Protein backbone atom coordinates (compact mmCIF):
# COMPACT_ATOMS: atom_id res chain seq x y z
CA MET A 1 -5.27 45.21 11.37
CA GLY A 2 -8.01 47.25 12.79
CA ARG A 3 -8.17 50.63 13.03
CA GLU A 4 -8.01 50.75 16.75
CA THR A 5 -5.85 48.62 18.78
CA ARG A 6 -8.45 48.68 21.24
CA GLU A 7 -11.70 50.46 21.72
CA GLY A 8 -10.96 54.02 22.09
CA PHE A 9 -7.13 53.85 21.23
CA ASP A 10 -6.16 55.27 17.96
CA PRO A 11 -2.83 56.76 17.45
CA THR A 12 -3.01 57.52 13.76
CA ASP A 13 -3.06 61.40 14.73
CA ILE A 14 -0.22 60.92 17.24
CA LEU A 15 2.06 59.20 14.76
CA ALA A 16 0.93 61.64 11.85
CA ALA A 17 2.12 64.49 13.85
CA LEU A 18 5.23 63.18 15.02
CA ASN A 19 6.28 62.06 11.31
CA LYS A 20 5.15 65.73 10.31
CA ALA A 21 7.30 67.24 12.76
CA HIS A 22 10.31 65.16 11.52
CA VAL A 23 10.77 63.62 15.12
CA ARG A 24 13.14 61.07 15.32
CA TYR A 25 11.54 58.25 17.34
CA LEU A 26 10.82 54.37 17.28
CA VAL A 27 7.54 52.79 18.43
CA ILE A 28 8.29 50.36 21.48
CA GLY A 29 6.25 48.54 23.92
CA GLY A 30 2.76 47.05 23.04
CA LEU A 31 2.24 48.89 19.73
CA ALA A 32 5.43 47.69 18.74
CA VAL A 33 4.53 44.11 19.47
CA ILE A 34 1.16 44.59 17.52
CA LEU A 35 3.16 46.00 14.65
CA HIS A 36 5.42 42.88 14.76
CA GLY A 37 2.39 40.58 14.41
CA VAL A 38 1.22 39.80 17.66
CA ASN A 39 -2.61 39.92 18.33
CA ARG A 40 -2.99 42.17 21.58
CA HIS A 41 -4.17 45.31 22.71
CA THR A 42 -2.40 48.21 23.91
CA TRP A 43 -3.83 51.49 25.92
CA ASP A 44 -0.97 53.53 25.21
CA LEU A 45 1.91 54.55 22.87
CA ASP A 46 5.47 53.96 24.09
CA VAL A 47 8.42 55.53 22.24
CA SER A 48 12.07 55.99 22.22
CA VAL A 49 13.51 59.15 20.89
CA GLU A 50 16.75 60.68 19.74
CA LEU A 51 17.75 62.42 23.03
CA THR A 52 18.69 65.98 21.42
CA VAL A 53 17.15 69.15 22.51
CA LYS A 54 15.97 69.74 19.22
CA ASN A 55 14.32 66.53 18.67
CA LEU A 56 12.61 66.60 22.21
CA LYS A 57 11.30 69.96 21.44
CA ALA A 58 10.01 68.78 18.15
CA LEU A 59 8.01 66.28 20.06
CA GLU A 60 6.58 68.32 22.63
CA ARG A 61 5.34 70.76 19.96
CA ALA A 62 3.92 68.14 17.60
CA LEU A 63 2.10 66.59 20.64
CA LYS A 64 0.99 69.82 22.03
CA ARG A 65 -0.49 70.75 18.27
CA ILE A 66 -2.81 67.54 18.74
CA GLY A 67 -3.92 68.42 22.40
CA PHE A 68 -1.34 66.72 24.49
CA GLU A 69 0.36 68.24 27.39
CA ARG A 70 3.01 66.86 29.97
CA ARG A 71 2.49 65.24 33.02
CA VAL A 72 5.87 65.93 34.30
CA PRO A 73 6.55 69.31 36.05
CA ALA A 74 9.94 69.67 34.48
CA PRO A 75 10.90 70.53 30.83
CA ILE A 76 11.49 67.87 28.36
CA GLU A 77 14.90 69.24 27.49
CA GLY A 78 16.07 67.47 30.66
CA LEU A 79 15.98 64.21 28.91
CA ALA A 80 18.85 65.36 26.70
CA ASP A 81 21.03 65.72 29.87
CA PRO A 82 22.57 62.29 31.05
CA ALA A 83 22.78 63.66 34.81
CA THR A 84 19.16 64.80 34.87
CA ARG A 85 18.06 61.46 33.43
CA ARG A 86 20.07 59.75 36.08
CA LEU A 87 18.58 62.08 38.77
CA TRP A 88 15.06 61.11 37.39
CA THR A 89 15.67 57.43 37.16
CA ASN A 90 17.73 56.79 40.33
CA GLN A 91 16.11 59.49 42.89
CA ARG A 92 12.61 59.66 41.57
CA ASN A 93 12.42 56.13 39.93
CA MET A 94 11.01 57.66 36.74
CA LYS A 95 10.86 55.24 33.53
CA VAL A 96 8.89 57.44 31.39
CA TYR A 97 7.86 61.08 30.35
CA SER A 98 4.38 61.10 30.10
CA PHE A 99 2.23 63.38 27.80
CA HIS A 100 -1.69 62.85 28.22
CA GLU A 101 -4.49 64.12 26.31
CA ARG A 102 -6.70 66.75 27.37
CA SER A 103 -9.76 65.61 25.60
CA ALA A 104 -12.20 62.80 26.72
CA LYS A 105 -10.04 60.24 24.64
CA SER A 106 -7.24 60.67 27.35
CA ARG A 107 -4.48 59.05 25.52
CA VAL A 108 -1.18 58.66 26.98
CA VAL A 109 2.28 58.71 25.06
CA ASP A 110 5.21 57.54 26.96
CA VAL A 111 8.93 58.58 26.15
CA MET A 112 11.36 56.39 27.84
CA VAL A 113 13.70 58.09 29.82
CA LYS A 114 16.30 55.59 29.57
CA PRO A 115 17.58 55.88 25.95
CA LEU A 116 18.30 52.82 23.87
CA ALA A 117 22.01 51.43 24.08
CA ASP A 118 22.63 52.92 20.55
CA PHE A 119 19.64 54.93 19.31
CA ASN A 120 21.18 56.04 16.13
CA ASP A 121 21.89 52.21 15.04
CA ALA A 122 18.54 51.26 15.98
CA TYR A 123 16.90 54.02 14.08
CA ARG A 124 19.22 53.22 10.96
CA ARG A 125 17.55 49.54 11.39
CA ARG A 126 14.44 50.30 12.17
CA VAL A 127 11.31 48.71 10.45
CA ILE A 128 8.61 51.06 8.71
CA LYS A 129 5.38 49.58 9.20
CA GLN A 130 2.26 50.62 7.14
CA ALA A 131 -0.89 50.95 9.38
CA TRP A 132 -3.88 53.30 10.05
CA GLY A 133 -2.60 54.88 6.69
CA VAL A 134 0.49 56.11 8.47
CA SER A 135 4.22 55.07 8.36
CA ILE A 136 5.33 53.98 11.58
CA PRO A 137 9.16 53.52 12.75
CA VAL A 138 9.28 50.59 14.82
CA VAL A 139 12.03 49.30 16.69
CA PRO A 140 13.78 46.13 15.14
CA LEU A 141 12.51 42.84 16.67
CA ASN A 142 15.95 41.75 18.28
CA ILE A 143 16.10 45.26 20.27
CA LEU A 144 12.21 44.86 21.19
CA LYS A 145 12.84 41.73 22.48
CA GLN A 146 15.79 42.77 24.54
CA LEU A 147 13.45 45.53 25.83
CA LYS A 148 10.97 43.13 27.11
CA LYS A 149 13.25 40.81 28.44
CA ALA A 150 14.83 43.85 30.51
CA ALA A 151 11.42 45.13 31.72
CA GLY A 152 10.04 41.42 32.82
CA ARG A 153 6.82 42.34 33.69
CA PRO A 154 3.99 39.56 33.36
CA GLN A 155 2.87 41.39 29.75
CA ASP A 156 6.46 41.46 28.68
CA VAL A 157 6.98 37.67 29.40
CA PHE A 158 3.68 36.94 27.42
CA ASP A 159 4.94 39.30 24.77
CA LEU A 160 8.05 37.48 24.53
CA GLY A 161 6.42 34.20 24.23
CA ALA A 162 3.99 35.62 21.60
CA LEU A 163 7.07 36.97 19.49
CA LYS A 164 8.98 33.62 19.72
CA GLN A 165 5.80 31.92 18.62
CA LEU A 166 5.54 34.00 15.34
CA GLU A 167 9.58 33.50 14.71
CA ASP A 168 8.65 29.78 14.95
């Protein structure tokens, strides 16, 4: 696997910062598809995290240390509250809580607003991938496929087909 998933996108420092801060997270989305073996590109880092105030604050601090700021005008701790998440998803159609990089790289980290059905179970079953010199906790393949199927966008349908080909 190359150093970058596409020209200009290198998640190494992001992943290392989250690991150093002991954030409980799982890589999902395009990077998870790549790490499970599909040859494709991605433009951001999608993560699902343990939705506790302590973990969310650790995530935000880790990202701030490497030059990211939140795009959302509300504290990240709101993700720890089910009522706030419902408000954000139902009334504001919010799917991700985004952080963007202030530097010229302009990378994006998207934290899923809707939690996994059972984050702790998924985290226990996580797959640790080694890439770019970093240990990366990746969502298990069966859960990744469920997420892709639920999202249903054209890229997700493509990813499902590519993941199935890997299994065959």
